[in-house]
Each structure stands twice: as C-alpha cells, then as structure tokens.
PDB file of N, CA and C in Angstrom:
ATOM      1  N   MET A   1     -11.712  17.602  -2.386  1.00  0.00           N
ATOM      2  CA  MET A   1     -11.474  17.668  -3.830  1.00  0.00           C
ATOM      3  C   MET A   1     -10.427  18.728  -3.785  1.00  0.00           C
ATOM      4  N   LYS A   2      -9.596  18.524  -4.858  1.00  0.00           N
ATOM      5  CA  LYS A   2      -8.588  19.399  -5.046  1.00  0.00           C
ATOM      6  C   LYS A   2      -8.739  20.133  -6.543  1.00  0.00           C
ATOM      7  N   ARG A   3      -8.211  20.843  -6.676  1.00  0.00           N
ATOM      8  CA  ARG A   3      -8.149  21.569  -8.024  1.00  0.00           C
ATOM      9  C   ARG A   3      -7.020  22.140  -8.394  1.00  0.00           C
ATOM     10  N   LEU A   4      -6.536  22.123  -9.974  1.00  0.00           N
ATOM     11  CA  LEU A   4      -5.157  22.464 -10.279  1.00  0.00           C
ATOM     12  C   LEU A   4      -5.121  24.028 -10.337  1.00  0.00           C
ATOM     13  N   GLU A   5      -4.312  24.222  -9.652  1.00  0.00           N
ATOM     14  CA  GLU A   5      -3.951  25.931  -9.649  1.00  0.00           C
ATOM     15  C   GLU A   5      -2.661  26.266 -10.397  1.00  0.00           C
ATOM     16  N   GLU A   6      -1.675  25.350 -10.620  1.00  0.00           N
ATOM     17  CA  GLU A   6      -0.453  25.734 -11.039  1.00  0.00           C
ATOM     18  C   GLU A   6      -0.048  25.328 -12.529  1.00  0.00           C
ATOM     19  N   ASP A   7      -1.276  24.787 -13.170  1.00  0.00           N
ATOM     20  CA  ASP A   7      -1.118  23.955 -14.465  1.00  0.00           C
ATOM     21  C   ASP A   7      -0.402  22.665 -14.563  1.00  0.00           C
ATOM     22  N   LEU A   8      -0.349  22.222 -13.389  1.00  0.00           N
ATOM     23  CA  LEU A   8       0.462  20.740 -13.331  1.00  0.00           C
ATOM     24  C   LEU A   8       0.316  20.068 -12.118  1.00  0.00           C
ATOM     25  N   PHE A   9       0.208  19.021 -12.179  1.00  0.00           N
ATOM     26  CA  PHE A   9       0.194  18.128 -10.837  1.00  0.00           C
ATOM     27  C   PHE A   9       1.561  17.491 -10.311  1.00  0.00           C
ATOM     28  N   ILE A  10       1.793  17.614  -9.202  1.00  0.00           N
ATOM     29  CA  ILE A  10       3.348  17.153  -8.587  1.00  0.00           C
ATOM     30  C   ILE A  10       3.230  15.517  -8.839  1.00  0.00           C
ATOM     31  N   TRP A  11       3.909  14.989  -9.459  1.00  0.00           N
ATOM     32  CA  TRP A  11       3.877  13.266  -9.599  1.00  0.00           C
ATOM     33  C   TRP A  11       5.121  12.975  -9.227  1.00  0.00           C
ATOM     34  N   PRO A  12       5.274  11.972  -8.260  1.00  0.00           N
ATOM     35  CA  PRO A  12       6.409  11.441  -7.538  1.00  0.00           C
ATOM     36  C   PRO A  12       7.041  10.782  -8.803  1.00  0.00           C
ATOM     37  N   ASP A  13       8.431  10.595  -8.365  1.00  0.00           N
ATOM     38  CA  ASP A  13       9.206   9.708  -9.448  1.00  0.00           C
ATOM     39  C   ASP A  13       9.098   8.310  -9.291  1.00  0.00           C
ATOM     40  N   ALA A  14       9.512   7.459 -10.117  1.00  0.00           N
ATOM     41  CA  ALA A  14       9.184   5.998 -10.139  1.00  0.00           C
ATOM     42  C   ALA A  14       9.555   5.337  -9.057  1.00  0.00           C
ATOM     43  N   ALA A  15      10.664   5.727  -8.190  1.00  0.00           N
ATOM     44  CA  ALA A  15      10.792   4.958  -6.937  1.00  0.00           C
ATOM     45  C   ALA A  15       9.898   5.099  -5.856  1.00  0.00           C
ATOM     46  N   ALA A  16       9.196   6.395  -5.983  1.00  0.00           N
ATOM     47  CA  ALA A  16       8.335   6.635  -4.841  1.00  0.00           C
ATOM     48  C   ALA A  16       6.955   6.212  -4.824  1.00  0.00           C
ATOM     49  N   VAL A  17       6.623   5.587  -6.172  1.00  0.00           N
ATOM     50  CA  VAL A  17       5.342   5.248  -6.284  1.00  0.00           C
ATOM     51  C   VAL A  17       5.242   3.867  -5.775  1.00  0.00           C
ATOM     52  N   PRO A  18       4.079   3.745  -4.831  1.00  0.00           N
ATOM     53  CA  PRO A  18       4.109   2.277  -4.398  1.00  0.00           C
ATOM     54  C   PRO A  18       3.633   1.264  -5.271  1.00  0.00           C
ATOM     55  N   THR A  19       3.608   0.100  -5.211  1.00  0.00           N
ATOM     56  CA  THR A  19       3.045  -0.925  -5.766  1.00  0.00           C
ATOM     57  C   THR A  19       1.926  -1.715  -4.888  1.00  0.00           C
ATOM     58  N   LEU A  20       0.864  -2.162  -5.545  1.00  0.00           N
ATOM     59  CA  LEU A  20      -0.024  -2.794  -4.590  1.00  0.00           C
ATOM     60  C   LEU A  20      -0.436  -4.086  -5.097  1.00  0.00           C
ATOM     61  N   THR A  21      -0.781  -5.119  -3.825  1.00  0.00           N
ATOM     62  CA  THR A  21      -1.317  -6.456  -4.575  1.00  0.00           C
ATOM     63  C   THR A  21      -2.542  -6.370  -4.997  1.00  0.00           C
ATOM     64  N   VAL A  22      -3.239  -7.437  -5.407  1.00  0.00           N
ATOM     65  CA  VAL A  22      -4.847  -7.255  -5.921  1.00  0.00           C
ATOM     66  C   VAL A  22      -5.500  -7.150  -4.441  1.00  0.00           C
ATOM     67  N   GLU A  23      -5.011  -8.142  -3.249  1.00  0.00           N
ATOM     68  CA  GLU A  23      -5.555  -7.882  -2.120  1.00  0.00           C
ATOM     69  C   GLU A  23      -5.508  -6.604  -1.490  1.00  0.00           C
ATOM     70  N   GLN A  24      -4.118  -5.937  -1.334  1.00  0.00           N
ATOM     71  CA  GLN A  24      -4.323  -4.593  -1.072  1.00  0.00           C
ATOM     72  C   GLN A  24      -5.131  -3.679  -1.722  1.00  0.00           C
ATOM     73  N   LEU A  25      -5.327  -3.549  -3.199  1.00  0.00           N
ATOM     74  CA  LEU A  25      -6.247  -2.949  -3.562  1.00  0.00           C
ATOM     75  C   LEU A  25      -7.576  -3.077  -3.239  1.00  0.00           C
ATOM     76  N   HIS A  26      -8.032  -4.094  -3.262  1.00  0.00           N
ATOM     77  CA  HIS A  26      -9.352  -4.581  -2.639  1.00  0.00           C
ATOM     78  C   HIS A  26      -9.727  -3.983  -1.331  1.00  0.00           C
ATOM     79  N   TRP A  27      -8.486  -3.892  -0.420  1.00  0.00           N
ATOM     80  CA  TRP A  27      -8.846  -3.485   0.843  1.00  0.00           C
ATOM     81  C   TRP A  27      -8.828  -2.002   0.984  1.00  0.00           C
ATOM     82  N   LEU A  28      -8.140  -1.367  -0.183  1.00  0.00           N
ATOM     83  CA  LEU A  28      -8.187   0.079  -0.279  1.00  0.00           C
ATOM     84  C   LEU A  28      -9.400   0.484  -0.790  1.00  0.00           C
ATOM     85  N   LEU A  29      -9.956  -0.074  -1.757  1.00  0.00           N
ATOM     86  CA  LEU A  29     -11.345   0.268  -2.403  1.00  0.00           C
ATOM     87  C   LEU A  29     -12.529  -0.132  -1.235  1.00  0.00           C
ATOM     88  N   ASP A  30     -12.389  -0.953  -0.252  1.00  0.00           N
ATOM     89  CA  ASP A  30     -13.307  -1.078   0.666  1.00  0.00           C
ATOM     90  C   ASP A  30     -13.170  -0.308   1.880  1.00  0.00           C
ATOM     91  N   GLY A  31     -11.933   0.471   2.023  1.00  0.00           N
ATOM     92  CA  GLY A  31     -11.831   1.908   2.895  1.00  0.00           C
ATOM     93  C   GLY A  31     -11.060   1.372   4.182  1.00  0.00           C
ATOM     94  N   VAL A  32     -10.199   0.151   3.888  1.00  0.00           N
ATOM     95  CA  VAL A  32      -9.456  -0.329   4.833  1.00  0.00           C
ATOM     96  C   VAL A  32      -8.240   0.676   4.873  1.00  0.00           C
ATOM     97  N   ASP A  33      -7.595   1.170   5.934  1.00  0.00           N
ATOM     98  CA  ASP A  33      -6.391   2.191   6.126  1.00  0.00           C
ATOM     99  C   ASP A  33      -5.194   1.081   6.056  1.00  0.00           C
ATOM    100  N   LEU A  34      -4.368   1.057   5.086  1.00  0.00           N
ATOM    101  CA  LEU A  34      -3.175   0.330   4.612  1.00  0.00           C
ATOM    102  C   LEU A  34      -2.078   0.492   5.535  1.00  0.00           C
ATOM    103  N   THR A  35      -2.230   1.753   6.211  1.00  0.00           N
ATOM    104  CA  THR A  35      -1.036   2.099   7.138  1.00  0.00           C
ATOM    105  C   THR A  35      -1.120   1.333   8.278  1.00  0.00           C
ATOM    106  N   VAL A  36      -2.270   0.857   8.602  1.00  0.00           N
ATOM    107  CA  VAL A  36      -2.328   0.245   9.961  1.00  0.00           C
ATOM    108  C   VAL A  36      -2.391  -1.328   9.667  1.00  0.00           C
ATOM    109  N   VAL A  37      -2.515  -1.701   8.678  1.00  0.00           N
ATOM    110  CA  VAL A  37      -2.511  -3.100   8.433  1.00  0.00           C
ATOM    111  C   VAL A  37      -1.064  -3.885   8.457  1.00  0.00           C
ATOM    112  N   HIS A  38      -0.856  -4.736   9.222  1.00  0.00           N
ATOM    113  CA  HIS A  38       0.513  -5.262   9.500  1.00  0.00           C
ATOM    114  C   HIS A  38       0.146  -6.948   9.235  1.00  0.00           C
ATOM    115  N   LYS A  39       1.167  -7.411   8.414  1.00  0.00           N
ATOM    116  CA  LYS A  39       1.002  -9.009   8.465  1.00  0.00           C
ATOM    117  C   LYS A  39       1.749  -9.665   9.634  1.00  0.00           C
ATOM    118  N   HIS A  40       1.298 -10.906   9.875  1.00  0.00           N
ATOM    119  CA  HIS A  40       2.007 -11.470  11.080  1.00  0.00           C
ATOM    120  C   HIS A  40       3.434 -12.012  10.465  1.00  0.00           C
ATOM    121  N   PRO A  41       4.522 -11.869  11.451  1.00  0.00           N
ATOM    122  CA  PRO A  41       5.760 -12.091  10.969  1.00  0.00           C
ATOM    123  C   PRO A  41       5.953 -13.808  10.619  1.00  0.00           C
ATOM    124  N   GLU A  42       6.771 -13.964   9.572  1.00  0.00           N
ATOM    125  CA  GLU A  42       6.693 -15.461   8.966  1.00  0.00           C
ATOM    126  C   GLU A  42       7.775 -16.097   9.943  1.00  0.00           C
ATOM    127  N   ARG A  43       7.351 -17.286  10.443  1.00  0.00           N
ATOM    128  CA  ARG A  43       8.099 -18.109  11.414  1.00  0.00           C
ATOM    129  C   ARG A  43       8.654 -19.399  10.661  1.00  0.00           C
ATOM    130  N   PHE A  44       9.742 -19.493  11.340  1.00  0.00           N
ATOM    131  CA  PHE A  44      10.562 -20.955  10.479  1.00  0.00           C
ATOM    132  C   PHE A  44      10.633 -21.747  11.833  1.00  0.00           C
ATOM    133  N   TYR A  45      10.514 -23.046  11.705  1.00  0.00           N
ATOM    134  CA  TYR A  45      10.565 -23.713  12.814  1.00  0.00           C
ATOM    135  C   TYR A  45      11.547 -25.002  12.359  1.00  0.00           C
ATOM    136  N   ALA A  46      12.502 -25.422  13.329  1.00  0.00           N
ATOM    137  CA  ALA A  46      13.429 -26.403  13.004  1.00  0.00           C
ATOM    138  C   ALA A  46      12.733 -27.664  13.039  1.00  0.00           C
ATOM    139  N   ARG A  47      11.821 -27.909  13.845  1.00  0.00           N
ATOM    140  CA  ARG A  47      11.264 -29.376  13.554  1.00  0.00           C
ATOM    141  C   ARG A  47       9.731 -29.135  14.152  1.00  0.00           C
ATOM    142  N   VAL A  48       8.892 -30.082  13.902  1.00  0.00           N
ATOM    143  CA  VAL A  48       7.361 -30.025  14.042  1.00  0.00           C
ATOM    144  C   VAL A  48       6.934 -30.516  15.544  1.00  0.00           C
ATOM    145  N   ALA A  49       7.873 -31.454  15.994  1.00  0.00           N
ATOM    146  CA  ALA A  49       7.409 -32.093  17.402  1.00  0.00           C
ATOM    147  C   ALA A  49       8.380 -32.256  18.293  1.00  0.00           C
TER     148      ALA A  49
END
C-alpha cells in the first residue's frame, strides 16, 4: 500500500500509458503476469499443400 507524501501522484504522460485489450484486462484481474505472456508469431504460408 502506498501513501501520498508530497501532495501529488506522479502520472506518466499519454505516450507512456499502456493500452489493454479486454482479454489482457481479464488476465490482469485474474493475476496473470502480462510481462511473461507472449503471443505466438503470426505465420504466413505461400501454399497449403
């Protein structure tokens, strides 16, 4: 728990504020560490068979 000692909170500028998807928000609320979650790389194939 933090307390306010200098009469203001340090707030990042708009460029440093992260945006979350709904899925990431649910993960965060479930206690999943988002820094270790990585998506699989997207792959593109020239042909199917």
